[in-house]
Amino acid sequence: MKNFEFQPFAKACIQLLAFAALGYALWRVKGVIVYAGISLYISVLGRPLFKILQFKTPLGKYVGKTGNAALTLLTIAAVLSGIVTWFFPLLIKEFSFLSTIEYDRLIASLEEEWNQLDAILASFGINSQAELEQINNSLQEFASVDAISDVLSGLIGSMGNVIIGLFSISFISFFLIREQELAHRFIDYITPKKHHAKIDKMVPGIKRVVTRYSFGILIQITLIFLLLSLGMSLIGVQGAVVLALTAAVFNLVPYVGPLIGASLGILLGIGQLYTTGLSDPATSVNLLQSLYLLFGLFAVVQLLDNIVFQPIIFSNSVGAHPLEIFLVISVAGTLLGVGGMIFAVPAYSILRIVINTIREGWEAS
């Protein structure tokens, strides 16, 4: 009797240890898994272009699958490279002028407006002078040449990992684009044949969800970019397009990204308005009023994103409750950092499809 009870217990322990070992192994190679996930994502997005090259163009008939896959990957790389080579020099230019700002003079120019705000803060028992000094020191430290040099040095130091990552992603993406059923065949290979019907049912749904979510995110970024660029242009910020695009891209990182994007947009926007007023006094503006306008602009756009844009995207592409999304993003951020937060929603939507398919099989049996 004891032997009969011990066998299921021992089997359960062995299964638990096996799952724990598998989880540990996957955690150790999480970098490779991330590369594979990004490559799979690229292959899904590049599939329409691959089909157009293969079946709709005369060149596609001569170069075959290998040539079409290479052309697809090169086209995606060219588009991304064009965006990067256009965007990053402009962004660096926006940051570079921060080190030229005389922050003591900037704060002195706001003295009249600050005195009005000081009276309000004093009524709440806030020592504005100490806070102002701290803000001044923080701004000077943030925008110093040494700080900018440290950031650039860190970026250069990580170039080796970036190059390895780009090569790995390109290599994996090429084969996934060329052999579109490669991932499907691999999953069939590692699963018993009795589950192949379930796999065949899941794969089209996963492709559909990933594609719809990707285009939904693209629409979300475009809407945020248009609203911010229009608003900042009306306020008078010269680099409105670059700052709006920066904030829209940061919005990809849930919860933290919008705060970073808004902080950068407001800081750089005010700095631009200030330097423009120094070079051309006729164009000078009320900086405190502009600060309120920029803050209000980012707040309104973020509210629209949270109340209108995101619910529509998630409901149409994922179909998950906002509480689910919040918990998934929080867990992913804790375990995998910023990258995990970015890919948490599509990964969770895929997991939902897998779980729903398995549950339907249990209910049918």
Protein backbone atom coordinates (compact mmCIF):
# COMPACT_ATOMS: atom_id res chain seq x y z
CA MET A 1 0.00 0.00 0.00
CA LYS A 2 2.83 2.37 0.85
CA ASN A 3 4.58 1.46 -2.40
CA PHE A 4 1.37 2.22 -4.35
CA GLU A 5 1.11 5.65 -2.72
CA PHE A 6 4.80 6.40 -3.13
CA GLN A 7 4.95 5.83 -6.88
CA PRO A 8 2.59 8.68 -7.87
CA PHE A 9 4.33 10.93 -5.37
CA ALA A 10 7.76 10.04 -6.76
CA LYS A 11 6.50 10.56 -10.31
CA ALA A 12 5.12 13.98 -9.38
CA CYS A 13 8.43 14.93 -7.75
CA ILE A 14 10.38 13.85 -10.82
CA GLN A 15 8.06 15.84 -13.08
CA LEU A 16 8.38 18.88 -10.83
CA LEU A 17 12.18 18.62 -10.85
CA ALA A 18 12.16 18.19 -14.62
CA PHE A 19 10.05 21.33 -15.07
CA ALA A 20 12.30 23.23 -12.66
CA ALA A 21 15.41 22.11 -14.55
CA LEU A 22 13.80 23.08 -17.85
CA GLY A 23 12.83 26.47 -16.47
CA TYR A 24 16.36 27.06 -15.18
CA ALA A 25 17.85 26.04 -18.52
CA LEU A 26 15.52 28.38 -20.39
CA TRP A 27 16.40 31.18 -17.98
CA ARG A 28 20.10 30.64 -18.61
CA VAL A 29 19.61 30.94 -22.39
CA LYS A 30 17.01 33.69 -22.22
CA GLY A 31 19.14 35.85 -24.52
CA VAL A 32 18.90 33.27 -27.30
CA ILE A 33 15.17 32.92 -26.67
CA VAL A 34 14.77 36.69 -26.99
CA TYR A 35 16.68 36.64 -30.29
CA ALA A 36 14.49 33.80 -31.55
CA GLY A 37 11.32 35.61 -30.46
CA ILE A 38 12.33 38.84 -32.20
CA SER A 39 13.28 36.88 -35.32
CA LEU A 40 9.95 35.09 -35.33
CA TYR A 41 8.23 38.44 -34.96
CA ILE A 42 10.18 39.86 -37.91
CA SER A 43 9.37 36.81 -40.04
CA VAL A 44 5.65 37.23 -39.38
CA LEU A 45 5.78 40.92 -40.31
CA GLY A 46 7.92 40.21 -43.37
CA ARG A 47 5.72 37.42 -44.69
CA PRO A 48 3.44 39.71 -46.79
CA LEU A 49 6.47 41.30 -48.47
CA PHE A 50 8.00 37.87 -49.09
CA LYS A 51 4.83 36.68 -50.80
CA ILE A 52 4.68 39.83 -52.95
CA LEU A 53 8.29 39.35 -54.07
CA GLN A 54 7.79 35.65 -54.72
CA PHE A 55 4.50 35.68 -56.60
CA LYS A 56 3.83 39.25 -57.78
CA THR A 57 7.19 40.33 -59.23
CA PRO A 58 9.15 38.95 -62.22
CA LEU A 59 12.35 38.92 -60.17
CA GLY A 60 10.85 36.60 -57.58
CA LYS A 61 10.54 33.74 -60.07
CA TYR A 62 14.27 33.78 -60.84
CA VAL A 63 15.89 34.27 -57.44
CA GLY A 64 13.81 31.64 -55.65
CA LYS A 65 12.99 31.45 -51.95
CA THR A 66 16.54 32.19 -50.85
CA GLY A 67 16.78 35.37 -52.93
CA ASN A 68 13.30 36.53 -51.94
CA ALA A 69 14.07 35.95 -48.26
CA ALA A 70 17.30 37.92 -48.60
CA LEU A 71 15.50 40.76 -50.41
CA THR A 72 12.79 40.81 -47.75
CA LEU A 73 15.33 40.98 -44.94
CA LEU A 74 17.37 43.64 -46.77
CA THR A 75 14.24 45.73 -47.34
CA ILE A 76 13.33 45.59 -43.65
CA ALA A 77 16.93 46.42 -42.70
CA ALA A 78 17.04 49.31 -45.18
CA VAL A 79 13.84 50.82 -43.79
CA LEU A 80 15.05 50.51 -40.19
CA SER A 81 18.51 51.84 -41.10
CA GLY A 82 16.96 54.80 -42.89
CA ILE A 83 14.87 55.65 -39.85
CA VAL A 84 17.84 55.28 -37.49
CA THR A 85 20.26 57.32 -39.64
CA TRP A 86 17.68 60.09 -39.95
CA PHE A 87 16.40 60.05 -36.39
CA PHE A 88 19.42 59.57 -34.12
CA PRO A 89 21.57 62.46 -35.44
CA LEU A 90 18.62 64.79 -34.91
CA LEU A 91 18.04 63.39 -31.43
CA ILE A 92 21.71 63.78 -30.50
CA LYS A 93 21.55 67.36 -31.77
CA GLU A 94 18.55 68.00 -29.52
CA PHE A 95 20.47 66.68 -26.51
CA SER A 96 23.75 68.41 -27.33
CA PHE A 97 22.42 71.93 -26.83
CA LEU A 98 21.55 71.12 -23.20
CA SER A 99 25.20 71.51 -22.22
CA THR A 100 25.24 75.07 -23.61
CA ILE A 101 22.34 76.32 -21.50
CA GLU A 102 23.21 78.65 -18.62
CA TYR A 103 20.81 77.24 -16.05
CA ASP A 104 21.46 80.01 -13.51
CA ARG A 105 20.42 82.55 -16.13
CA LEU A 106 17.43 80.41 -17.14
CA ILE A 107 16.16 80.22 -13.57
CA ALA A 108 16.82 83.93 -13.08
CA SER A 109 14.63 84.67 -16.11
CA LEU A 110 11.82 82.79 -14.40
CA GLU A 111 12.18 84.73 -11.15
CA GLU A 112 8.95 86.72 -11.48
CA GLU A 113 6.87 83.65 -12.28
CA TRP A 114 8.70 81.68 -9.62
CA ASN A 115 7.88 84.25 -6.93
CA GLN A 116 4.20 83.76 -7.68
CA LEU A 117 4.60 80.01 -7.46
CA ASP A 118 6.75 80.40 -4.34
CA ALA A 119 3.89 82.05 -2.46
CA ILE A 120 1.62 79.13 -3.32
CA LEU A 121 4.22 76.54 -2.27
CA ALA A 122 4.97 78.40 0.97
CA SER A 123 1.31 78.17 1.93
CA PHE A 124 1.73 74.39 1.85
CA GLY A 125 4.92 74.51 3.91
CA ILE A 126 7.27 73.69 1.00
CA ASN A 127 10.76 75.24 1.03
CA SER A 128 10.95 76.33 -2.59
CA GLN A 129 14.48 77.73 -2.35
CA ALA A 130 15.96 74.38 -1.37
CA GLU A 131 13.94 72.60 -4.04
CA LEU A 132 15.03 75.13 -6.66
CA GLU A 133 18.68 74.71 -5.74
CA GLN A 134 18.34 70.95 -5.99
CA ILE A 135 16.66 71.21 -9.41
CA ASN A 136 19.39 73.56 -10.62
CA ASN A 137 22.15 71.19 -9.49
CA SER A 138 20.37 68.19 -11.01
CA LEU A 139 19.94 69.92 -14.36
CA GLN A 140 23.57 70.98 -14.49
CA GLU A 141 24.72 67.48 -13.59
CA PHE A 142 22.36 65.86 -16.10
CA ALA A 143 23.36 68.14 -18.98
CA SER A 144 27.09 68.37 -18.27
CA VAL A 145 29.62 67.35 -20.89
CA ASP A 146 30.88 64.60 -18.56
CA ALA A 147 27.39 63.12 -18.19
CA ILE A 148 26.82 63.12 -21.94
CA SER A 149 30.28 61.57 -22.47
CA ASP A 150 29.48 58.83 -19.94
CA VAL A 151 26.26 58.00 -21.79
CA LEU A 152 28.06 57.86 -25.14
CA SER A 153 30.84 55.71 -23.64
CA GLY A 154 28.25 53.30 -22.28
CA LEU A 155 26.61 53.06 -25.68
CA ILE A 156 29.93 52.43 -27.39
CA GLY A 157 30.82 49.79 -24.81
CA SER A 158 27.61 47.89 -25.52
CA MET A 159 28.13 47.95 -29.30
CA GLY A 160 29.71 44.48 -29.18
CA ASN A 161 26.56 42.94 -27.71
CA VAL A 162 24.43 44.91 -30.16
CA ILE A 163 26.41 43.59 -33.14
CA ILE A 164 26.14 40.00 -31.91
CA GLY A 165 22.42 40.46 -31.35
CA LEU A 166 21.85 41.97 -34.80
CA PHE A 167 23.78 39.15 -36.47
CA SER A 168 21.88 36.47 -34.54
CA ILE A 169 18.50 38.04 -35.27
CA SER A 170 19.33 38.50 -38.97
CA PHE A 171 20.56 34.91 -39.31
CA ILE A 172 17.52 33.39 -37.62
CA SER A 173 15.08 35.72 -39.40
CA PHE A 174 16.48 34.79 -42.82
CA PHE A 175 15.70 31.09 -42.38
CA LEU A 176 12.32 31.74 -40.78
CA ILE A 177 11.34 33.97 -43.72
CA ARG A 178 12.69 31.54 -46.33
CA GLU A 179 11.07 28.49 -44.75
CA GLN A 180 7.82 29.86 -43.41
CA GLU A 181 6.78 26.55 -41.87
CA LEU A 182 10.11 25.98 -40.13
CA ALA A 183 8.87 27.04 -36.70
CA HIS A 184 5.68 25.04 -37.21
CA ARG A 185 7.68 21.91 -38.14
CA PHE A 186 9.95 22.36 -35.12
CA ILE A 187 6.96 22.54 -32.78
CA ASP A 188 5.49 19.42 -34.43
CA TYR A 189 8.84 17.67 -33.97
CA ILE A 190 9.04 18.26 -30.22
CA THR A 191 5.37 17.43 -29.53
CA PRO A 192 3.65 14.03 -29.75
CA LYS A 193 1.71 13.33 -32.94
CA LYS A 194 -1.58 13.21 -31.05
CA HIS A 195 -1.22 16.95 -30.38
CA HIS A 196 -0.40 17.97 -33.97
CA ALA A 197 -4.03 18.82 -34.71
CA LYS A 198 -4.02 21.28 -31.81
CA ILE A 199 -0.76 22.80 -33.06
CA ASP A 200 -2.24 23.22 -36.53
CA LYS A 201 -5.18 25.03 -34.95
CA MET A 202 -3.02 27.33 -32.83
CA VAL A 203 -0.48 28.50 -35.42
CA PRO A 204 -2.86 30.52 -37.67
CA GLY A 205 -4.35 32.20 -34.61
CA ILE A 206 -0.91 33.14 -33.29
CA LYS A 207 0.13 34.61 -36.65
CA ARG A 208 -3.10 36.59 -36.83
CA VAL A 209 -2.77 37.97 -33.29
CA VAL A 210 0.88 38.98 -33.74
CA THR A 211 0.15 40.73 -37.05
CA ARG A 212 -2.90 42.57 -35.74
CA TYR A 213 -1.13 43.61 -32.55
CA SER A 214 1.87 44.90 -34.51
CA PHE A 215 -0.23 47.05 -36.80
CA GLY A 216 -2.24 48.22 -33.80
CA ILE A 217 0.95 49.37 -32.06
CA LEU A 218 2.03 51.13 -35.27
CA ILE A 219 -1.29 52.98 -35.38
CA GLN A 220 -0.95 53.88 -31.69
CA ILE A 221 2.55 55.32 -32.16
CA THR A 222 1.44 57.23 -35.26
CA LEU A 223 -1.50 58.83 -33.45
CA ILE A 224 0.64 59.83 -30.46
CA PHE A 225 3.31 61.22 -32.79
CA LEU A 226 0.82 63.29 -34.79
CA LEU A 227 -0.89 64.74 -31.72
CA LEU A 228 2.37 65.61 -29.94
CA SER A 229 4.07 67.05 -33.02
CA LEU A 230 1.03 69.20 -33.82
CA GLY A 231 0.70 70.41 -30.22
CA MET A 232 4.39 71.18 -29.76
CA SER A 233 4.50 72.99 -33.11
CA LEU A 234 1.60 75.20 -32.02
CA ILE A 235 3.41 75.95 -28.75
CA GLY A 236 6.44 77.02 -30.77
CA VAL A 237 8.95 74.21 -30.23
CA GLN A 238 11.24 73.99 -33.27
CA GLY A 239 12.23 70.33 -32.91
CA ALA A 240 8.63 69.21 -32.44
CA VAL A 241 8.85 66.32 -34.93
CA VAL A 242 11.93 64.74 -33.33
CA LEU A 243 10.70 65.21 -29.76
CA ALA A 244 7.24 63.87 -30.61
CA LEU A 245 8.71 60.81 -32.32
CA THR A 246 10.99 60.20 -29.33
CA ALA A 247 8.06 60.34 -26.92
CA ALA A 248 5.97 58.08 -29.18
CA VAL A 249 8.73 55.46 -29.35
CA PHE A 250 9.26 55.57 -25.57
CA ASN A 251 5.54 54.92 -25.26
CA LEU A 252 6.28 51.34 -26.36
CA VAL A 253 7.59 50.72 -22.83
CA PRO A 254 4.45 50.37 -20.70
CA TYR A 255 3.95 52.71 -17.72
CA VAL A 256 7.58 53.89 -17.45
CA GLY A 257 8.06 54.84 -21.11
CA PRO A 258 5.41 57.60 -21.26
CA LEU A 259 6.94 59.26 -18.18
CA ILE A 260 10.42 59.21 -19.71
CA GLY A 261 9.14 60.45 -23.07
CA ALA A 262 7.14 63.26 -21.48
CA SER A 263 10.05 64.31 -19.24
CA LEU A 264 12.43 64.48 -22.19
CA GLY A 265 9.88 66.28 -24.36
CA ILE A 266 9.11 68.92 -21.74
CA LEU A 267 12.76 69.44 -20.75
CA LEU A 268 14.06 69.70 -24.31
CA GLY A 269 11.06 71.74 -25.42
CA ILE A 270 11.55 74.35 -22.70
CA GLY A 271 15.29 74.41 -23.40
CA GLN A 272 14.67 75.07 -27.08
CA LEU A 273 12.19 77.85 -26.37
CA TYR A 274 14.68 79.44 -23.98
CA THR A 275 17.65 79.33 -26.38
CA THR A 276 15.48 80.58 -29.25
CA GLY A 277 14.41 83.54 -27.13
CA LEU A 278 18.04 84.38 -26.32
CA SER A 279 19.13 84.32 -29.96
CA ASP A 280 16.05 86.23 -31.16
CA PRO A 281 14.38 88.29 -28.39
CA ALA A 282 11.46 89.06 -30.70
CA THR A 283 10.45 85.39 -30.53
CA SER A 284 10.81 85.02 -26.75
CA VAL A 285 7.86 83.47 -24.93
CA ASN A 286 6.63 83.10 -21.38
CA LEU A 287 8.55 80.00 -20.31
CA LEU A 288 6.32 79.19 -17.34
CA GLN A 289 3.23 79.40 -19.53
CA SER A 290 4.94 77.22 -22.14
CA LEU A 291 5.83 74.74 -19.39
CA TYR A 292 2.16 74.50 -18.40
CA LEU A 293 1.15 74.06 -22.04
CA LEU A 294 3.69 71.29 -22.64
CA PHE A 295 2.73 69.52 -19.44
CA GLY A 296 -0.95 69.77 -20.36
CA LEU A 297 -0.25 68.53 -23.90
CA PHE A 298 1.55 65.40 -22.73
CA ALA A 299 -1.07 64.77 -20.04
CA VAL A 300 -3.97 65.02 -22.53
CA VAL A 301 -2.25 62.79 -25.09
CA GLN A 302 -1.45 60.21 -22.41
CA LEU A 303 -5.07 60.22 -21.22
CA LEU A 304 -6.26 59.70 -24.80
CA ASP A 305 -3.79 56.84 -25.15
CA ASN A 306 -4.91 55.17 -21.91
CA ILE A 307 -8.64 55.72 -22.36
CA VAL A 308 -9.09 55.42 -26.14
CA PHE A 309 -6.08 54.07 -28.05
CA GLN A 310 -4.87 51.21 -25.85
CA PRO A 311 -8.30 49.72 -24.99
CA ILE A 312 -9.21 49.59 -28.68
CA ILE A 313 -5.89 47.96 -29.63
CA PHE A 314 -5.91 45.41 -26.81
CA SER A 315 -9.59 44.55 -27.20
CA ASN A 316 -9.27 44.02 -30.95
CA SER A 317 -5.92 42.23 -31.02
CA VAL A 318 -5.56 40.48 -27.66
CA GLY A 319 -9.01 40.48 -26.09
CA ALA A 320 -7.57 40.63 -22.56
CA HIS A 321 -8.85 42.53 -19.54
CA PRO A 322 -6.81 45.63 -18.56
CA LEU A 323 -6.07 44.05 -15.17
CA GLU A 324 -4.58 41.03 -16.94
CA ILE A 325 -2.40 43.32 -19.05
CA PHE A 326 -1.23 45.24 -15.98
CA LEU A 327 -0.26 42.09 -14.06
CA VAL A 328 1.47 40.51 -17.06
CA ILE A 329 3.51 43.64 -17.78
CA SER A 330 4.44 44.00 -14.10
CA VAL A 331 5.65 40.40 -13.84
CA ALA A 332 7.54 40.63 -17.14
CA GLY A 333 9.20 43.86 -16.05
CA THR A 334 10.28 42.32 -12.74
CA LEU A 335 11.74 39.21 -14.37
CA LEU A 336 13.09 40.51 -17.69
CA GLY A 337 13.35 44.28 -17.34
CA VAL A 338 12.36 46.79 -20.01
CA GLY A 339 12.60 44.28 -22.87
CA GLY A 340 10.19 41.98 -21.08
CA MET A 341 7.69 44.80 -20.62
CA ILE A 342 7.78 45.60 -24.35
CA PHE A 343 7.09 42.03 -25.48
CA ALA A 344 4.87 41.01 -22.55
CA VAL A 345 1.52 41.64 -24.26
CA PRO A 346 2.18 39.75 -27.53
CA ALA A 347 3.81 36.89 -25.60
CA TYR A 348 0.83 36.73 -23.25
CA SER A 349 -1.62 36.78 -26.17
CA ILE A 350 0.20 33.78 -27.68
CA LEU A 351 0.09 31.99 -24.32
CA ARG A 352 -3.65 32.64 -24.11
CA ILE A 353 -4.17 30.98 -27.49
CA VAL A 354 -2.15 27.94 -26.37
CA ILE A 355 -4.04 27.63 -23.08
CA ASN A 356 -7.45 28.07 -24.73
CA THR A 357 -6.64 25.39 -27.31
CA ILE A 358 -5.51 22.95 -24.60
CA ARG A 359 -8.60 23.70 -22.51
CA GLU A 360 -10.89 23.10 -25.48
CA GLY A 361 -9.24 19.71 -25.94
CA TRP A 362 -9.84 18.82 -22.30
CA GLU A 363 -13.47 19.89 -22.47
CA ALA A 364 -14.01 17.90 -25.66
CA SER A 365 -12.60 14.77 -24.03
